[in-house]
Amino acid sequence: MAVEFLNEVVFGNIRVADLIVFFVIISASIIVARIIGAHIKKSLTDRVKKDELEKLIRIVQVIIVLIGIFIGLPSFHVDFAELLLIGGAASIIIGFASQRLVTSIGSGVFLIVERPVTIGDTVKIGETSGTIEDIRILSTTIKTFEGIYVRIPNETVFNSEITNYVANVARRFEYRVGIRYSDDAEKAIRIIRELLEAHPFVLKNPSPSIYVDELGVNAVIIMVRIWAPSREWWSVRTEMLLKIKTALESEGMTIPFPQRTVWIKETPGSAPAPVLHPDVSDKHP
């Protein structure tokens, strides 16, 4: 009786058993989609905005269910080869229509999972520099240092060279400070070191490095290398340069400027250089 019921034809050549197999496959795909969706939500809750995370989960779940439908269709005695042919043709058409969209979505997922950048990071992506304001499934928004908002497709972000200026907790910068040959280089180094030790954002580890780096044409060059927190380095850099200049000048040390001595040699029999006088006829009353 049960066998007869399962073999009963419902429509065309589709039996009750075929319907049961199809619905079992679809139910299994829905369960798998929900499990994967829950795993994605648990893994990315602290990385992605709520609305973007919901979109991502929905896309993944729809794809899984569509795969389940594709697997279940042969239970209706659909020719798998024809199904592949139709699916292939449809995928080509859809692919051409949505290639950029799919690529950007895939790139957005990889950016969220890999996390080369996060919101608030100071970065350079391609030729655009600024602060990450938002990361979505399709695009990333950067606020440039000039205050301009730039939206970059995630496909471009994923394929570009990314420089993250704050991924490391500390960042180094350096000055080349010139003093006169008559100035005391050791004293200058001591003055600079005392300034750096007094600054709260100049790191002790790694410690600053200060040394005579070059005997230049017009000056003794002192190299000053400083480590500061990545999010404070710019303010430290601009502040310390002025303080170093002021401290050295207060000790009588001045920053030399390029000078050149020119010797003029007169050869015997050479005429003296002409002296130009203003033409009084050109004067106006």
C-alpha atoms as a PDB file:
ATOM      1  CA  MET A   1       0.000   0.000   0.000  1.00  0.00           C
ATOM      2  CA  ALA A   2       2.779   2.397   0.939  1.00  0.00           C
ATOM      3  CA  VAL A   3       4.751   1.397  -2.146  1.00  0.00           C
ATOM      4  CA  GLU A   4       1.741   2.024  -4.350  1.00  0.00           C
ATOM      5  CA  PHE A   5       1.283   5.440  -2.749  1.00  0.00           C
ATOM      6  CA  LEU A   6       4.931   6.373  -3.341  1.00  0.00           C
ATOM      7  CA  ASN A   7       4.703   5.241  -6.957  1.00  0.00           C
ATOM      8  CA  GLU A   8       1.494   7.154  -7.568  1.00  0.00           C
ATOM      9  CA  VAL A   9       1.890   9.680 -10.367  1.00  0.00           C
ATOM     10  CA  VAL A  10       1.136  13.243  -9.371  1.00  0.00           C
ATOM     11  CA  PHE A  11       1.853  15.147 -12.557  1.00  0.00           C
ATOM     12  CA  GLY A  12       3.269  13.902 -15.843  1.00  0.00           C
ATOM     13  CA  ASN A  13       5.897  11.349 -14.881  1.00  0.00           C
ATOM     14  CA  ILE A  14       6.503  12.838 -11.411  1.00  0.00           C
ATOM     15  CA  ARG A  15       5.691  10.453  -8.576  1.00  0.00           C
ATOM     16  CA  VAL A  16       4.964  11.082  -4.901  1.00  0.00           C
ATOM     17  CA  ALA A  17       8.379   9.605  -4.055  1.00  0.00           C
ATOM     18  CA  ASP A  18      10.023  12.154  -6.351  1.00  0.00           C
ATOM     19  CA  LEU A  19       8.282  14.988  -4.528  1.00  0.00           C
ATOM     20  CA  ILE A  20       9.385  13.619  -1.156  1.00  0.00           C
ATOM     21  CA  VAL A  21      13.018  13.361  -2.299  1.00  0.00           C
ATOM     22  CA  PHE A  22      12.898  16.892  -3.681  1.00  0.00           C
ATOM     23  CA  PHE A  23      11.442  18.366  -0.488  1.00  0.00           C
ATOM     24  CA  VAL A  24      13.924  16.442   1.676  1.00  0.00           C
ATOM     25  CA  ILE A  25      16.811  17.917  -0.341  1.00  0.00           C
ATOM     26  CA  ILE A  26      15.344  21.428  -0.132  1.00  0.00           C
ATOM     27  CA  SER A  27      14.735  21.059   3.612  1.00  0.00           C
ATOM     28  CA  ALA A  28      18.311  19.887   4.112  1.00  0.00           C
ATOM     29  CA  SER A  29      19.650  22.848   2.131  1.00  0.00           C
ATOM     30  CA  ILE A  30      17.560  25.259   4.226  1.00  0.00           C
ATOM     31  CA  ILE A  31      18.906  23.712   7.442  1.00  0.00           C
ATOM     32  CA  VAL A  32      22.483  23.952   6.140  1.00  0.00           C
ATOM     33  CA  ALA A  33      21.868  27.571   5.082  1.00  0.00           C
ATOM     34  CA  ARG A  34      20.625  28.464   8.572  1.00  0.00           C
ATOM     35  CA  ILE A  35      23.587  26.759  10.265  1.00  0.00           C
ATOM     36  CA  ILE A  36      26.085  28.548   8.022  1.00  0.00           C
ATOM     37  CA  GLY A  37      24.219  31.834   8.496  1.00  0.00           C
ATOM     38  CA  ALA A  38      24.430  31.459  12.276  1.00  0.00           C
ATOM     39  CA  HIS A  39      28.155  30.705  12.029  1.00  0.00           C
ATOM     40  CA  ILE A  40      28.753  33.780   9.848  1.00  0.00           C
ATOM     41  CA  LYS A  41      26.795  35.962  12.264  1.00  0.00           C
ATOM     42  CA  LYS A  42      28.792  34.670  15.228  1.00  0.00           C
ATOM     43  CA  SER A  43      32.127  35.181  13.449  1.00  0.00           C
ATOM     44  CA  LEU A  44      31.522  38.624  11.947  1.00  0.00           C
ATOM     45  CA  THR A  45      29.242  40.401  14.447  1.00  0.00           C
ATOM     46  CA  ASP A  46      32.080  42.585  15.747  1.00  0.00           C
ATOM     47  CA  ARG A  47      33.522  43.260  12.289  1.00  0.00           C
ATOM     48  CA  VAL A  48      30.546  44.257  10.149  1.00  0.00           C
ATOM     49  CA  LYS A  49      27.626  46.616  10.610  1.00  0.00           C
ATOM     50  CA  LYS A  50      24.350  44.884  11.432  1.00  0.00           C
ATOM     51  CA  ASP A  51      22.567  45.753   8.166  1.00  0.00           C
ATOM     52  CA  GLU A  52      25.564  44.715   6.052  1.00  0.00           C
ATOM     53  CA  LEU A  53      25.920  41.461   7.978  1.00  0.00           C
ATOM     54  CA  GLU A  54      22.257  40.634   7.408  1.00  0.00           C
ATOM     55  CA  LYS A  55      22.667  41.233   3.665  1.00  0.00           C
ATOM     56  CA  LEU A  56      25.724  38.985   3.540  1.00  0.00           C
ATOM     57  CA  ILE A  57      23.963  36.183   5.437  1.00  0.00           C
ATOM     58  CA  ARG A  58      20.915  36.454   3.175  1.00  0.00           C
ATOM     59  CA  ILE A  59      23.052  36.230   0.023  1.00  0.00           C
ATOM     60  CA  VAL A  60      24.906  33.150   1.298  1.00  0.00           C
ATOM     61  CA  GLN A  61      21.679  31.441   2.358  1.00  0.00           C
ATOM     62  CA  VAL A  62      19.994  32.093  -0.997  1.00  0.00           C
ATOM     63  CA  ILE A  63      22.997  30.636  -2.833  1.00  0.00           C
ATOM     64  CA  ILE A  64      22.900  27.485  -0.669  1.00  0.00           C
ATOM     65  CA  VAL A  65      19.156  27.001  -1.241  1.00  0.00           C
ATOM     66  CA  LEU A  66      19.591  27.506  -4.998  1.00  0.00           C
ATOM     67  CA  ILE A  67      22.279  24.825  -4.978  1.00  0.00           C
ATOM     68  CA  GLY A  68      19.826  22.549  -3.142  1.00  0.00           C
ATOM     69  CA  ILE A  69      17.163  23.195  -5.781  1.00  0.00           C
ATOM     70  CA  PHE A  70      19.676  22.454  -8.524  1.00  0.00           C
ATOM     71  CA  ILE A  71      20.589  19.160  -6.826  1.00  0.00           C
ATOM     72  CA  GLY A  72      16.936  18.236  -6.257  1.00  0.00           C
ATOM     73  CA  LEU A  73      15.650  18.882  -9.779  1.00  0.00           C
ATOM     74  CA  PRO A  74      16.881  15.533 -11.195  1.00  0.00           C
ATOM     75  CA  SER A  75      14.388  13.811  -8.866  1.00  0.00           C
ATOM     76  CA  PHE A  76      11.731  15.176 -11.235  1.00  0.00           C
ATOM     77  CA  HIS A  77      13.442  13.225 -14.052  1.00  0.00           C
ATOM     78  CA  VAL A  78      14.872  16.397 -15.531  1.00  0.00           C
ATOM     79  CA  ASP A  79      17.729  15.579 -17.903  1.00  0.00           C
ATOM     80  CA  PHE A  80      20.837  16.655 -16.003  1.00  0.00           C
ATOM     81  CA  ALA A  81      22.754  17.370 -19.200  1.00  0.00           C
ATOM     82  CA  GLU A  82      19.995  19.656 -20.449  1.00  0.00           C
ATOM     83  CA  LEU A  83      19.844  21.254 -17.020  1.00  0.00           C
ATOM     84  CA  LEU A  84      23.555  21.961 -17.133  1.00  0.00           C
ATOM     85  CA  LEU A  85      23.216  23.365 -20.650  1.00  0.00           C
ATOM     86  CA  ILE A  86      20.369  25.656 -19.650  1.00  0.00           C
ATOM     87  CA  GLY A  87      22.118  26.607 -16.425  1.00  0.00           C
ATOM     88  CA  GLY A  88      25.348  27.284 -18.276  1.00  0.00           C
ATOM     89  CA  ALA A  89      23.659  29.529 -20.813  1.00  0.00           C
ATOM     90  CA  ALA A  90      21.788  31.360 -18.075  1.00  0.00           C
ATOM     91  CA  SER A  91      24.934  31.763 -16.015  1.00  0.00           C
ATOM     92  CA  ILE A  92      26.774  33.251 -18.999  1.00  0.00           C
ATOM     93  CA  ILE A  93      24.015  35.793 -19.548  1.00  0.00           C
ATOM     94  CA  ILE A  94      23.765  36.618 -15.855  1.00  0.00           C
ATOM     95  CA  GLY A  95      27.542  36.652 -15.545  1.00  0.00           C
ATOM     96  CA  PHE A  96      27.954  39.293 -18.227  1.00  0.00           C
ATOM     97  CA  ALA A  97      25.178  41.362 -16.680  1.00  0.00           C
ATOM     98  CA  SER A  98      26.437  41.188 -13.100  1.00  0.00           C
ATOM     99  CA  GLN A  99      30.147  40.429 -13.320  1.00  0.00           C
ATOM    100  CA  ARG A 100      31.230  43.630 -11.561  1.00  0.00           C
ATOM    101  CA  LEU A 101      28.523  43.216  -8.923  1.00  0.00           C
ATOM    102  CA  VAL A 102      29.458  39.622  -8.095  1.00  0.00           C
ATOM    103  CA  THR A 103      33.170  40.467  -8.060  1.00  0.00           C
ATOM    104  CA  SER A 104      32.591  43.385  -5.695  1.00  0.00           C
ATOM    105  CA  ILE A 105      30.465  41.229  -3.379  1.00  0.00           C
ATOM    106  CA  GLY A 106      33.131  38.514  -3.324  1.00  0.00           C
ATOM    107  CA  SER A 107      35.849  41.090  -2.710  1.00  0.00           C
ATOM    108  CA  GLY A 108      33.772  42.623   0.080  1.00  0.00           C
ATOM    109  CA  VAL A 109      33.429  39.244   1.781  1.00  0.00           C
ATOM    110  CA  PHE A 110      37.188  38.640   1.554  1.00  0.00           C
ATOM    111  CA  LEU A 111      37.904  42.130   2.928  1.00  0.00           C
ATOM    112  CA  ILE A 112      35.586  41.508   5.863  1.00  0.00           C
ATOM    113  CA  VAL A 113      37.122  38.111   6.626  1.00  0.00           C
ATOM    114  CA  GLU A 114      40.780  38.973   5.955  1.00  0.00           C
ATOM    115  CA  ARG A 115      40.515  42.452   7.522  1.00  0.00           C
ATOM    116  CA  PRO A 116      43.517  44.212   5.946  1.00  0.00           C
ATOM    117  CA  VAL A 117      41.794  47.458   6.976  1.00  0.00           C
ATOM    118  CA  THR A 118      39.170  48.404   9.555  1.00  0.00           C
ATOM    119  CA  ILE A 119      37.003  51.464  10.125  1.00  0.00           C
ATOM    120  CA  GLY A 120      39.110  54.308  11.525  1.00  0.00           C
ATOM    121  CA  ASP A 121      42.394  53.165   9.953  1.00  0.00           C
ATOM    122  CA  THR A 122      44.585  55.680   8.137  1.00  0.00           C
ATOM    123  CA  VAL A 123      45.404  54.063   4.807  1.00  0.00           C
ATOM    124  CA  LYS A 124      46.503  54.521   1.230  1.00  0.00           C
ATOM    125  CA  ILE A 125      44.575  52.478  -1.342  1.00  0.00           C
ATOM    126  CA  GLY A 126      45.929  52.955  -4.837  1.00  0.00           C
ATOM    127  CA  GLU A 127      46.317  56.714  -5.172  1.00  0.00           C
ATOM    128  CA  THR A 128      43.755  57.593  -2.473  1.00  0.00           C
ATOM    129  CA  SER A 129      44.905  58.362   1.073  1.00  0.00           C
ATOM    130  CA  GLY A 130      42.751  59.052   4.110  1.00  0.00           C
ATOM    131  CA  THR A 131      40.742  57.435   6.898  1.00  0.00           C
ATOM    132  CA  ILE A 132      38.405  54.457   6.435  1.00  0.00           C
ATOM    133  CA  GLU A 133      34.886  55.679   7.207  1.00  0.00           C
ATOM    134  CA  ASP A 134      32.811  52.668   6.157  1.00  0.00           C
ATOM    135  CA  ILE A 135      33.240  49.147   4.763  1.00  0.00           C
ATOM    136  CA  ARG A 136      30.214  47.674   2.999  1.00  0.00           C
ATOM    137  CA  ILE A 137      29.616  44.571   0.915  1.00  0.00           C
ATOM    138  CA  LEU A 138      30.000  46.469  -2.373  1.00  0.00           C
ATOM    139  CA  SER A 139      32.261  49.394  -1.544  1.00  0.00           C
ATOM    140  CA  THR A 140      34.604  51.057   0.930  1.00  0.00           C
ATOM    141  CA  THR A 141      34.390  54.759   1.815  1.00  0.00           C
ATOM    142  CA  ILE A 142      37.508  56.808   2.563  1.00  0.00           C
ATOM    143  CA  LYS A 143      37.602  60.333   3.962  1.00  0.00           C
ATOM    144  CA  THR A 144      40.687  61.979   2.481  1.00  0.00           C
ATOM    145  CA  PHE A 145      42.940  64.328   4.440  1.00  0.00           C
ATOM    146  CA  GLU A 146      41.263  67.198   2.537  1.00  0.00           C
ATOM    147  CA  GLY A 147      37.853  66.159   3.921  1.00  0.00           C
ATOM    148  CA  ILE A 148      36.587  64.617   0.669  1.00  0.00           C
ATOM    149  CA  TYR A 149      34.638  61.350   0.792  1.00  0.00           C
ATOM    150  CA  VAL A 150      35.713  58.802  -1.826  1.00  0.00           C
ATOM    151  CA  ARG A 151      33.737  55.620  -2.524  1.00  0.00           C
ATOM    152  CA  ILE A 152      35.913  52.811  -3.889  1.00  0.00           C
ATOM    153  CA  PRO A 153      34.421  49.542  -5.237  1.00  0.00           C
ATOM    154  CA  ASN A 154      35.634  46.581  -3.189  1.00  0.00           C
ATOM    155  CA  GLU A 155      36.906  44.954  -6.371  1.00  0.00           C
ATOM    156  CA  THR A 156      39.345  47.865  -6.734  1.00  0.00           C
ATOM    157  CA  VAL A 157      40.250  47.780  -3.033  1.00  0.00           C
ATOM    158  CA  PHE A 158      40.943  44.047  -3.108  1.00  0.00           C
ATOM    159  CA  ASN A 159      43.156  44.295  -6.210  1.00  0.00           C
ATOM    160  CA  SER A 160      45.055  47.428  -5.116  1.00  0.00           C
ATOM    161  CA  GLU A 161      48.162  47.811  -3.019  1.00  0.00           C
ATOM    162  CA  ILE A 162      46.979  48.718   0.487  1.00  0.00           C
ATOM    163  CA  THR A 163      49.207  50.689   2.851  1.00  0.00           C
ATOM    164  CA  ASN A 164      47.872  50.695   6.417  1.00  0.00           C
ATOM    165  CA  TYR A 165      49.623  53.401   8.430  1.00  0.00           C
ATOM    166  CA  VAL A 166      48.146  52.347  11.777  1.00  0.00           C
ATOM    167  CA  ALA A 167      48.147  48.542  11.564  1.00  0.00           C
ATOM    168  CA  ASN A 168      51.289  48.601  13.691  1.00  0.00           C
ATOM    169  CA  VAL A 169      50.868  50.257  17.094  1.00  0.00           C
ATOM    170  CA  ALA A 170      54.004  52.379  16.599  1.00  0.00           C
ATOM    171  CA  ARG A 171      55.389  54.369  13.702  1.00  0.00           C
ATOM    172  CA  ARG A 172      58.850  55.830  13.176  1.00  0.00           C
ATOM    173  CA  PHE A 173      59.769  59.182  11.673  1.00  0.00           C
ATOM    174  CA  GLU A 174      63.060  61.033  11.417  1.00  0.00           C
ATOM    175  CA  TYR A 175      64.666  64.472  11.150  1.00  0.00           C
ATOM    176  CA  ARG A 176      67.972  65.539   9.665  1.00  0.00           C
ATOM    177  CA  VAL A 177      69.074  68.481  11.819  1.00  0.00           C
ATOM    178  CA  GLY A 178      72.050  70.540  10.668  1.00  0.00           C
ATOM    179  CA  ILE A 179      74.328  72.488  13.055  1.00  0.00           C
ATOM    180  CA  ARG A 180      77.439  74.583  12.390  1.00  0.00           C
ATOM    181  CA  TYR A 181      80.880  73.009  12.511  1.00  0.00           C
ATOM    182  CA  SER A 182      81.716  75.390  15.360  1.00  0.00           C
ATOM    183  CA  ASP A 183      78.802  74.077  17.474  1.00  0.00           C
ATOM    184  CA  ASP A 184      79.212  71.261  20.010  1.00  0.00           C
ATOM    185  CA  ALA A 185      77.595  68.188  18.420  1.00  0.00           C
ATOM    186  CA  GLU A 186      77.545  66.197  21.673  1.00  0.00           C
ATOM    187  CA  LYS A 187      75.769  69.041  23.436  1.00  0.00           C
ATOM    188  CA  ALA A 188      73.231  69.276  20.615  1.00  0.00           C
ATOM    189  CA  ILE A 189      72.545  65.533  20.877  1.00  0.00           C
ATOM    190  CA  ARG A 190      72.092  65.853  24.646  1.00  0.00           C
ATOM    191  CA  ILE A 191      69.635  68.753  24.261  1.00  0.00           C
ATOM    192  CA  ILE A 192      67.573  66.829  21.704  1.00  0.00           C
ATOM    193  CA  ARG A 193      67.570  63.684  23.846  1.00  0.00           C
ATOM    194  CA  GLU A 194      66.314  65.592  26.904  1.00  0.00           C
ATOM    195  CA  LEU A 195      63.483  67.047  24.821  1.00  0.00           C
ATOM    196  CA  LEU A 196      62.449  63.617  23.580  1.00  0.00           C
ATOM    197  CA  GLU A 197      62.565  62.044  27.042  1.00  0.00           C
ATOM    198  CA  ALA A 198      60.206  64.733  28.343  1.00  0.00           C
ATOM    199  CA  HIS A 199      57.556  64.166  25.662  1.00  0.00           C
ATOM    200  CA  PRO A 200      54.730  61.799  26.720  1.00  0.00           C
ATOM    201  CA  PHE A 201      54.173  60.315  23.245  1.00  0.00           C
ATOM    202  CA  VAL A 202      57.809  59.641  22.340  1.00  0.00           C
ATOM    203  CA  LEU A 203      58.212  55.918  22.990  1.00  0.00           C
ATOM    204  CA  LYS A 204      60.894  54.610  25.312  1.00  0.00           C
ATOM    205  CA  ASN A 205      60.816  51.217  23.617  1.00  0.00           C
ATOM    206  CA  PRO A 206      61.888  51.357  20.838  1.00  0.00           C
ATOM    207  CA  SER A 207      63.974  54.235  22.131  1.00  0.00           C
ATOM    208  CA  PRO A 208      64.909  57.318  20.061  1.00  0.00           C
ATOM    209  CA  SER A 209      68.125  57.169  18.064  1.00  0.00           C
ATOM    210  CA  ILE A 210      70.233  60.365  17.828  1.00  0.00           C
ATOM    211  CA  TYR A 211      73.667  60.464  16.211  1.00  0.00           C
ATOM    212  CA  VAL A 212      75.947  62.386  13.847  1.00  0.00           C
ATOM    213  CA  ASP A 213      75.053  61.003  10.436  1.00  0.00           C
ATOM    214  CA  GLU A 214      76.968  63.153   7.980  1.00  0.00           C
ATOM    215  CA  LEU A 215      79.616  65.839   7.696  1.00  0.00           C
ATOM    216  CA  GLY A 216      77.962  67.959   5.074  1.00  0.00           C
ATOM    217  CA  VAL A 217      79.323  70.795   2.977  1.00  0.00           C
ATOM    218  CA  ASN A 218      77.788  73.475   5.171  1.00  0.00           C
ATOM    219  CA  ALA A 219      76.705  71.627   8.325  1.00  0.00           C
ATOM    220  CA  VAL A 220      77.160  68.684  10.648  1.00  0.00           C
ATOM    221  CA  ILE A 221      74.026  66.565  10.106  1.00  0.00           C
ATOM    222  CA  ILE A 222      72.458  64.988  13.192  1.00  0.00           C
ATOM    223  CA  MET A 223      69.990  62.164  12.521  1.00  0.00           C
ATOM    224  CA  VAL A 224      67.025  62.000  14.906  1.00  0.00           C
ATOM    225  CA  ARG A 225      64.828  58.885  14.694  1.00  0.00           C
ATOM    226  CA  ILE A 226      61.715  58.747  16.858  1.00  0.00           C
ATOM    227  CA  TRP A 227      59.021  56.125  17.490  1.00  0.00           C
ATOM    228  CA  ALA A 228      55.532  57.307  18.445  1.00  0.00           C
ATOM    229  CA  PRO A 229      52.040  55.741  18.660  1.00  0.00           C
ATOM    230  CA  SER A 230      50.688  55.364  15.121  1.00  0.00           C
ATOM    231  CA  ARG A 231      47.641  57.513  15.820  1.00  0.00           C
ATOM    232  CA  GLU A 232      49.715  60.300  17.406  1.00  0.00           C
ATOM    233  CA  TRP A 233      52.825  60.317  15.230  1.00  0.00           C
ATOM    234  CA  TRP A 234      51.865  63.300  13.059  1.00  0.00           C
ATOM    235  CA  SER A 235      51.221  65.649  15.986  1.00  0.00           C
ATOM    236  CA  VAL A 236      54.452  64.480  17.654  1.00  0.00           C
ATOM    237  CA  ARG A 237      56.391  64.997  14.426  1.00  0.00           C
ATOM    238  CA  THR A 238      55.209  68.564  13.881  1.00  0.00           C
ATOM    239  CA  GLU A 239      55.543  69.519  17.552  1.00  0.00           C
ATOM    240  CA  MET A 240      59.033  68.126  18.160  1.00  0.00           C
ATOM    241  CA  LEU A 241      60.601  69.721  15.086  1.00  0.00           C
ATOM    242  CA  LEU A 242      59.779  73.219  16.322  1.00  0.00           C
ATOM    243  CA  LYS A 243      60.874  72.373  19.871  1.00  0.00           C
ATOM    244  CA  ILE A 244      64.250  71.093  18.653  1.00  0.00           C
ATOM    245  CA  LYS A 245      64.833  74.252  16.619  1.00  0.00           C
ATOM    246  CA  THR A 246      63.877  76.507  19.540  1.00  0.00           C
ATOM    247  CA  ALA A 247      66.001  74.582  22.076  1.00  0.00           C
ATOM    248  CA  LEU A 248      69.117  74.613  19.893  1.00  0.00           C
ATOM    249  CA  GLU A 249      68.764  78.323  19.141  1.00  0.00           C
ATOM    250  CA  SER A 250      68.359  79.096  22.855  1.00  0.00           C
ATOM    251  CA  GLU A 251      71.801  77.505  23.383  1.00  0.00           C
ATOM    252  CA  GLY A 252      73.347  79.661  20.666  1.00  0.00           C
ATOM    253  CA  MET A 253      73.221  76.988  17.968  1.00  0.00           C
ATOM    254  CA  THR A 254      71.763  78.079  14.670  1.00  0.00           C
ATOM    255  CA  ILE A 255      70.685  76.010  11.719  1.00  0.00           C
ATOM    256  CA  PRO A 256      73.244  76.874   8.994  1.00  0.00           C
ATOM    257  CA  PHE A 257      72.201  77.725   5.486  1.00  0.00           C
ATOM    258  CA  PRO A 258      74.153  76.952   2.305  1.00  0.00           C
ATOM    259  CA  GLN A 259      77.027  79.377   1.712  1.00  0.00           C
ATOM    260  CA  ARG A 260      79.548  79.681  -1.089  1.00  0.00           C
ATOM    261  CA  THR A 261      82.755  81.702  -1.125  1.00  0.00           C
ATOM    262  CA  VAL A 262      83.716  83.153  -4.509  1.00  0.00           C
ATOM    263  CA  TRP A 263      87.272  84.341  -5.137  1.00  0.00           C
ATOM    264  CA  ILE A 264      87.750  86.836  -7.980  1.00  0.00           C
ATOM    265  CA  LYS A 265      91.239  86.879  -9.373  1.00  0.00           C
ATOM    266  CA  GLU A 266      92.372  89.769 -11.560  1.00  0.00           C
ATOM    267  CA  THR A 267      94.913  88.894 -14.224  1.00  0.00           C
ATOM    268  CA  PRO A 268      97.598  91.407 -15.293  1.00  0.00           C
ATOM    269  CA  GLY A 269      96.327  93.764 -17.951  1.00  0.00           C
ATOM    270  CA  SER A 270      92.684  93.002 -17.323  1.00  0.00           C
ATOM    271  CA  ALA A 271      90.357  95.951 -17.263  1.00  0.00           C
ATOM    272  CA  PRO A 272      88.501  96.656 -14.004  1.00  0.00           C
ATOM    273  CA  ALA A 273      84.845  95.848 -13.935  1.00  0.00           C
ATOM    274  CA  PRO A 274      82.753  98.778 -15.174  1.00  0.00           C
ATOM    275  CA  VAL A 275      80.851 100.776 -12.592  1.00  0.00           C
ATOM    276  CA  LEU A 276      77.316 101.588 -13.626  1.00  0.00           C
ATOM    277  CA  HIS A 277      75.870 104.963 -12.693  1.00  0.00           C
ATOM    278  CA  PRO A 278      72.242 105.939 -13.066  1.00  0.00           C
ATOM    279  CA  ASP A 279      71.442 108.069 -16.084  1.00  0.00           C
ATOM    280  CA  VAL A 280      70.152 111.344 -14.716  1.00  0.00           C
ATOM    281  CA  SER A 281      68.342 111.987 -17.975  1.00  0.00           C
ATOM    282  CA  ASP A 282      65.988 109.143 -17.147  1.00  0.00           C
ATOM    283  CA  LYS A 283      64.885 110.646 -13.848  1.00  0.00           C
ATOM    284  CA  HIS A 284      61.362 111.943 -13.571  1.00  0.00           C
ATOM    285  CA  PRO A 285      60.406 114.983 -11.582  1.00  0.00           C
END
